[in-house]
Amino acid sequence: MNFNFGISSELTDLNYLEDVEGSVLFRIDGNVIDSVFNDNQSQDLLRTIQWSKSNVEKVSLEMKNNNLQKVTYELNDFYILFFVVNSVTVLTTFANQNANLSLLSIEAKRKSQNISQFL
């Protein structure tokens, strides 16, 4: 399977979950490898995405230092889930506050494991 197609397919599948607004695969330096978003992007979501991009390196370091596979933040009425994919990439998922965090966590973890096979 093609590198880009495989990652995009996994992100798109994650976006089909109810209440998910978007997903981004970041390098820990904040560069975007791939992303998928719903069409209805609000200013609050854009600010949340920008915050994530600016803080992904710090979050990654916190996860590594504390041996965490997942970190969840709540910002601008969105949940932000960060999942370790490998030593240099993090899957970030944005969901509205109606999201079922347990289901979303399970699916995002599964997608991060699938994505790691493409990298």
Protein backbone atom coordinates (compact mmCIF):
# COMPACT_ATOMS: atom_id res chain seq x y z
CA MET A 1 0.00 0.00 0.00
CA ASN A 2 1.16 3.52 -0.80
CA PHE A 3 2.57 5.54 2.16
CA ASN A 4 0.37 8.62 1.65
CA PHE A 5 -2.75 6.68 0.70
CA GLY A 6 -2.45 4.43 3.75
CA ILE A 7 -2.11 7.31 6.19
CA SER A 8 -4.87 9.36 4.54
CA SER A 9 -7.16 6.34 4.58
CA GLU A 10 -6.61 5.81 8.32
CA LEU A 11 -7.21 9.50 9.08
CA THR A 12 -10.35 9.52 6.93
CA ASP A 13 -11.71 6.45 8.72
CA LEU A 14 -11.14 8.15 12.06
CA ASN A 15 -12.98 11.23 10.83
CA TYR A 16 -16.08 9.16 10.08
CA LEU A 17 -16.60 8.66 13.81
CA GLU A 18 -19.41 10.71 15.24
CA ASP A 19 -18.32 14.05 16.73
CA VAL A 20 -14.77 13.91 15.30
CA GLU A 21 -13.91 17.21 13.64
CA GLY A 22 -10.49 16.32 12.27
CA SER A 23 -7.23 14.42 12.60
CA VAL A 24 -3.62 15.44 12.04
CA LEU A 25 -0.47 13.37 11.90
CA PHE A 26 2.25 15.67 13.25
CA ARG A 27 5.99 15.28 13.41
CA ILE A 28 7.08 16.23 16.90
CA ASP A 29 8.59 19.46 15.54
CA GLY A 30 5.06 20.63 14.61
CA ASN A 31 5.22 19.90 10.88
CA VAL A 32 2.11 18.27 9.45
CA ILE A 33 2.59 14.96 7.64
CA ASP A 34 -1.09 14.56 6.73
CA SER A 35 -4.47 15.81 7.90
CA VAL A 36 -8.19 15.31 7.32
CA PHE A 37 -10.94 17.66 8.51
CA ASN A 38 -14.69 17.98 8.24
CA ASP A 39 -15.98 20.80 6.08
CA ASN A 40 -17.42 22.88 8.91
CA GLN A 41 -14.29 24.36 10.49
CA SER A 42 -15.05 27.02 13.08
CA GLN A 43 -12.68 29.70 14.33
CA ASP A 44 -12.50 27.84 17.66
CA LEU A 45 -11.41 24.66 15.87
CA LEU A 46 -8.79 26.56 13.88
CA ARG A 47 -7.41 28.08 17.10
CA THR A 48 -7.36 24.62 18.68
CA ILE A 49 -5.47 23.19 15.70
CA GLN A 50 -2.94 26.03 15.88
CA TRP A 51 -2.47 25.45 19.61
CA SER A 52 -1.84 21.76 18.93
CA LYS A 53 0.68 22.53 16.22
CA SER A 54 2.52 24.93 18.53
CA ASN A 55 2.53 22.51 21.45
CA VAL A 56 3.00 19.08 19.89
CA GLU A 57 6.72 19.04 20.71
CA LYS A 58 6.08 19.86 24.38
CA VAL A 59 3.24 17.32 24.58
CA SER A 60 5.45 14.66 22.94
CA LEU A 61 8.22 15.31 25.44
CA GLU A 62 5.74 15.07 28.33
CA MET A 63 4.43 11.78 26.95
CA LYS A 64 7.93 10.37 26.53
CA ASN A 65 9.13 11.48 29.98
CA ASN A 66 6.07 10.00 31.67
CA ASN A 67 5.85 6.88 29.48
CA LEU A 68 2.38 7.83 28.23
CA GLN A 69 0.83 6.54 25.03
CA LYS A 70 -2.06 9.03 25.11
CA VAL A 71 -2.74 12.52 26.43
CA THR A 72 -6.12 14.26 26.31
CA TYR A 73 -6.68 18.01 26.54
CA GLU A 74 -9.85 20.06 26.60
CA LEU A 75 -9.57 23.43 24.85
CA ASN A 76 -12.04 25.80 23.14
CA ASP A 77 -14.92 23.30 23.62
CA PHE A 78 -12.94 20.53 21.90
CA TYR A 79 -11.23 17.41 23.10
CA ILE A 80 -7.73 16.93 21.71
CA LEU A 81 -6.29 13.42 21.86
CA PHE A 82 -2.58 12.93 21.25
CA PHE A 83 -1.41 9.38 20.55
CA VAL A 84 2.20 8.30 20.08
CA VAL A 85 2.69 6.72 16.64
CA ASN A 86 6.46 6.34 16.83
CA SER A 87 9.43 8.28 18.19
CA VAL A 88 8.92 11.21 15.80
CA THR A 89 5.19 11.30 15.01
CA VAL A 90 1.99 11.92 16.95
CA LEU A 91 -1.61 11.36 15.87
CA THR A 92 -3.82 14.23 17.02
CA THR A 93 -7.60 13.93 16.92
CA PHE A 94 -10.04 16.79 17.48
CA ALA A 95 -13.57 16.06 18.68
CA ASN A 96 -16.43 18.15 19.94
CA GLN A 97 -17.54 17.82 23.54
CA ASN A 98 -20.34 15.40 22.68
CA ALA A 99 -17.78 12.76 21.72
CA ASN A 100 -17.63 9.42 23.47
CA LEU A 101 -14.02 9.64 24.70
CA SER A 102 -13.77 5.94 25.48
CA LEU A 103 -14.72 4.89 21.97
CA LEU A 104 -12.62 7.64 20.43
CA SER A 105 -9.60 6.61 22.49
CA ILE A 106 -9.91 2.99 21.39
CA GLU A 107 -10.25 3.93 17.73
CA ALA A 108 -7.49 6.55 17.77
CA LYS A 109 -5.13 4.08 19.42
CA ARG A 110 -5.94 1.48 16.77
CA LYS A 111 -5.40 4.04 13.99
CA SER A 112 -2.07 5.16 15.48
CA GLN A 113 -0.91 1.55 15.49
CA ASN A 114 -2.04 1.11 11.87
CA ILE A 115 -0.33 4.33 10.80
CA SER A 116 2.93 3.24 12.44
CA GLN A 117 3.08 0.41 9.88
CA PHE A 118 3.27 2.97 7.05
CA LEU A 119 6.16 4.93 8.56
